[in-house]
Protein backbone atom coordinates (compact mmCIF):
# COMPACT_ATOMS: atom_id res chain seq x y z
CA MET A 1 -12.32 -22.70 -5.84
CA THR A 2 -13.33 -20.46 -8.72
CA ALA A 3 -12.29 -16.85 -9.04
CA ALA A 4 -14.77 -14.26 -7.87
CA PRO A 5 -16.79 -12.92 -10.79
CA GLU A 6 -16.29 -9.36 -11.98
CA LEU A 7 -19.28 -7.31 -10.90
CA THR A 8 -20.55 -4.04 -12.33
CA PRO A 9 -23.57 -1.82 -11.74
CA ALA A 10 -25.33 -3.80 -14.49
CA ASP A 11 -25.36 -6.80 -12.14
CA TYR A 12 -27.61 -4.99 -9.66
CA PRO A 13 -29.97 -6.27 -8.41
CA LEU A 14 -28.26 -9.61 -8.06
CA SER A 15 -31.55 -11.44 -7.55
CA ILE A 16 -32.58 -10.53 -11.09
CA ASN A 17 -29.32 -10.12 -12.99
CA ARG A 18 -27.03 -12.67 -11.29
CA PRO A 19 -29.24 -15.09 -9.32
CA GLU A 20 -26.75 -17.92 -9.93
CA LEU A 21 -24.38 -16.18 -7.50
CA LEU A 22 -26.83 -16.24 -4.61
CA ARG A 23 -27.43 -19.01 -2.07
CA THR A 24 -29.35 -19.16 1.18
CA PRO A 25 -27.47 -19.87 4.42
CA THR A 26 -28.47 -23.53 3.97
CA GLY A 27 -27.24 -23.64 0.37
CA LYS A 28 -30.51 -23.34 -1.53
CA THR A 29 -30.75 -21.27 -4.70
CA LEU A 30 -33.20 -18.44 -5.21
CA GLY A 31 -35.13 -20.72 -7.55
CA ASP A 32 -35.63 -23.14 -4.67
CA ILE A 33 -37.59 -20.50 -2.75
CA THR A 34 -41.16 -20.96 -3.91
CA MET A 35 -44.50 -20.65 -2.18
CA ASP A 36 -44.94 -24.42 -2.41
CA ALA A 37 -41.56 -24.95 -0.74
CA VAL A 38 -42.49 -22.52 2.03
CA VAL A 39 -45.87 -24.17 2.61
CA SER A 40 -44.34 -27.64 2.67
CA GLY A 41 -41.69 -26.58 5.18
CA GLU A 42 -38.74 -27.05 2.79
CA ILE A 43 -37.93 -23.36 3.23
CA THR A 44 -37.31 -22.18 6.78
CA ALA A 45 -36.63 -18.77 8.31
CA GLU A 46 -32.92 -19.58 8.09
CA ASP A 47 -33.24 -19.71 4.29
CA LEU A 48 -34.50 -16.12 4.26
CA ARG A 49 -31.53 -14.60 6.07
CA VAL A 50 -28.90 -12.70 4.13
CA THR A 51 -25.56 -14.46 3.78
CA PRO A 52 -22.13 -12.93 4.24
CA ASP A 53 -21.32 -13.85 0.62
CA THR A 54 -24.31 -11.89 -0.67
CA LEU A 55 -23.32 -8.84 1.36
CA VAL A 56 -19.76 -9.02 0.03
CA LEU A 57 -21.10 -9.24 -3.54
CA GLN A 58 -23.33 -6.20 -2.91
CA GLY A 59 -20.30 -4.36 -1.56
CA ARG A 60 -18.30 -5.18 -4.67
CA ILE A 61 -21.06 -3.74 -6.84
CA ALA A 62 -21.12 -0.57 -4.72
CA GLU A 63 -17.34 -0.23 -5.08
CA SER A 64 -17.61 -0.71 -8.86
CA MET A 65 -19.81 2.41 -8.80
CA GLY A 66 -17.21 4.37 -6.82
CA ARG A 67 -19.09 3.99 -3.52
CA ARG A 68 -16.19 2.81 -1.38
CA GLN A 69 -17.86 3.57 1.97
CA LEU A 70 -20.98 1.61 1.06
CA GLY A 71 -18.75 -1.29 0.03
CA GLU A 72 -17.00 -1.15 3.42
CA ASN A 73 -20.38 -1.07 5.17
CA CYS A 74 -21.42 -4.21 3.30
CA ARG A 75 -18.19 -5.96 4.36
CA ARG A 76 -18.81 -5.00 7.99
CA ALA A 77 -22.39 -6.26 7.69
CA ALA A 78 -21.07 -9.54 6.27
CA GLU A 79 -18.83 -9.93 9.31
CA MET A 80 -21.69 -9.08 11.65
CA THR A 81 -23.82 -11.99 10.44
CA ALA A 82 -21.69 -14.20 12.70
CA ILE A 83 -22.29 -12.06 15.80
CA PRO A 84 -25.32 -12.87 17.97
CA ASP A 85 -28.04 -10.21 17.85
CA ALA A 86 -27.81 -9.48 21.59
CA GLU A 87 -24.10 -8.77 21.27
CA VAL A 88 -24.66 -6.49 18.27
CA LEU A 89 -27.15 -4.49 20.33
CA ALA A 90 -24.73 -4.29 23.26
CA MET A 91 -21.99 -3.10 20.91
CA TYR A 92 -24.30 -0.47 19.44
CA ASN A 93 -24.99 0.87 22.93
CA ALA A 94 -21.31 0.74 23.90
CA LEU A 95 -20.37 2.81 20.84
CA ARG A 96 -22.50 5.77 21.87
CA PRO A 97 -20.41 8.80 22.84
CA ASN A 98 -19.43 8.79 26.54
CA ALA A 99 -20.70 5.22 27.01
CA SER A 100 -17.35 3.38 27.03
CA THR A 101 -13.76 3.88 28.05
CA ALA A 102 -10.88 3.48 25.63
CA ALA A 103 -10.04 0.16 27.30
CA GLN A 104 -13.62 -1.10 26.88
CA LEU A 105 -13.61 -0.20 23.19
CA GLU A 106 -10.26 -1.94 22.71
CA GLU A 107 -11.66 -5.01 24.47
CA MET A 108 -14.64 -4.94 22.10
CA ALA A 109 -12.36 -4.65 19.07
CA SER A 110 -10.23 -7.56 20.26
CA ARG A 111 -13.34 -9.69 20.86
CA LEU A 112 -14.56 -8.90 17.36
CA GLU A 113 -11.25 -10.06 15.90
CA ASP A 114 -10.62 -13.04 18.15
CA THR A 115 -14.12 -14.46 18.55
CA TYR A 116 -15.80 -13.54 15.26
CA ALA A 117 -12.91 -12.91 12.81
CA ALA A 118 -14.47 -9.48 12.23
CA ALA A 119 -11.35 -7.46 11.47
CA THR A 120 -13.19 -4.77 9.49
CA CYS A 121 -15.62 -4.20 12.37
CA ALA A 122 -12.74 -4.17 14.86
CA ALA A 123 -10.96 -1.50 12.82
CA LEU A 124 -14.10 0.66 12.91
CA VAL A 125 -14.33 0.34 16.71
CA ARG A 126 -10.67 1.34 17.05
CA GLU A 127 -11.23 4.30 14.74
CA ALA A 128 -14.25 5.35 16.83
CA ALA A 129 -12.10 5.14 19.97
CA GLN A 130 -9.51 7.46 18.41
CA VAL A 131 -12.14 9.97 17.33
CA TYR A 132 -13.84 9.84 20.73
CA ALA A 133 -10.49 10.42 22.45
CA ALA A 134 -9.74 13.42 20.22
CA ARG A 135 -13.18 14.89 20.90
CA ASN A 136 -13.27 14.04 24.62
CA LEU A 137 -16.19 11.63 24.14
CA LEU A 138 -14.85 8.63 26.04
CA ALA A 139 -16.33 7.59 29.39
CA GLU A 140 -14.08 8.27 32.34
CA GLU A 141 -11.98 5.42 33.69
CA ASP A 142 -13.03 4.18 37.13
């Protein structure tokens, strides 16, 4: 395994300045994505999805610019690529103020860690639970 490259704001956008770092979820390069390849069926919808690696790289560029929160958001987004869309939507709804109990949010955080290895997302859910508790925004226990 090679060391992760040093990234700076000059590397943004990666698709232009560092295309060699980017791969599709099926391993194709950006150069492989051509109109001919799309028409022939060599490129599928799966090839057009963002990869966790790309999101992590984008986050590293953001952090190199002093944008720590944007970098963290990119890391959470990278983790979320493994979570089914329906579950992401359910989580979004459960994180609304007064929609979940503290126990339900802890269950969500544990599921994120245990099922999807999404520790950064789990930490955000736990932080939300603490803030909601402090502001009396948790649903009442049954």
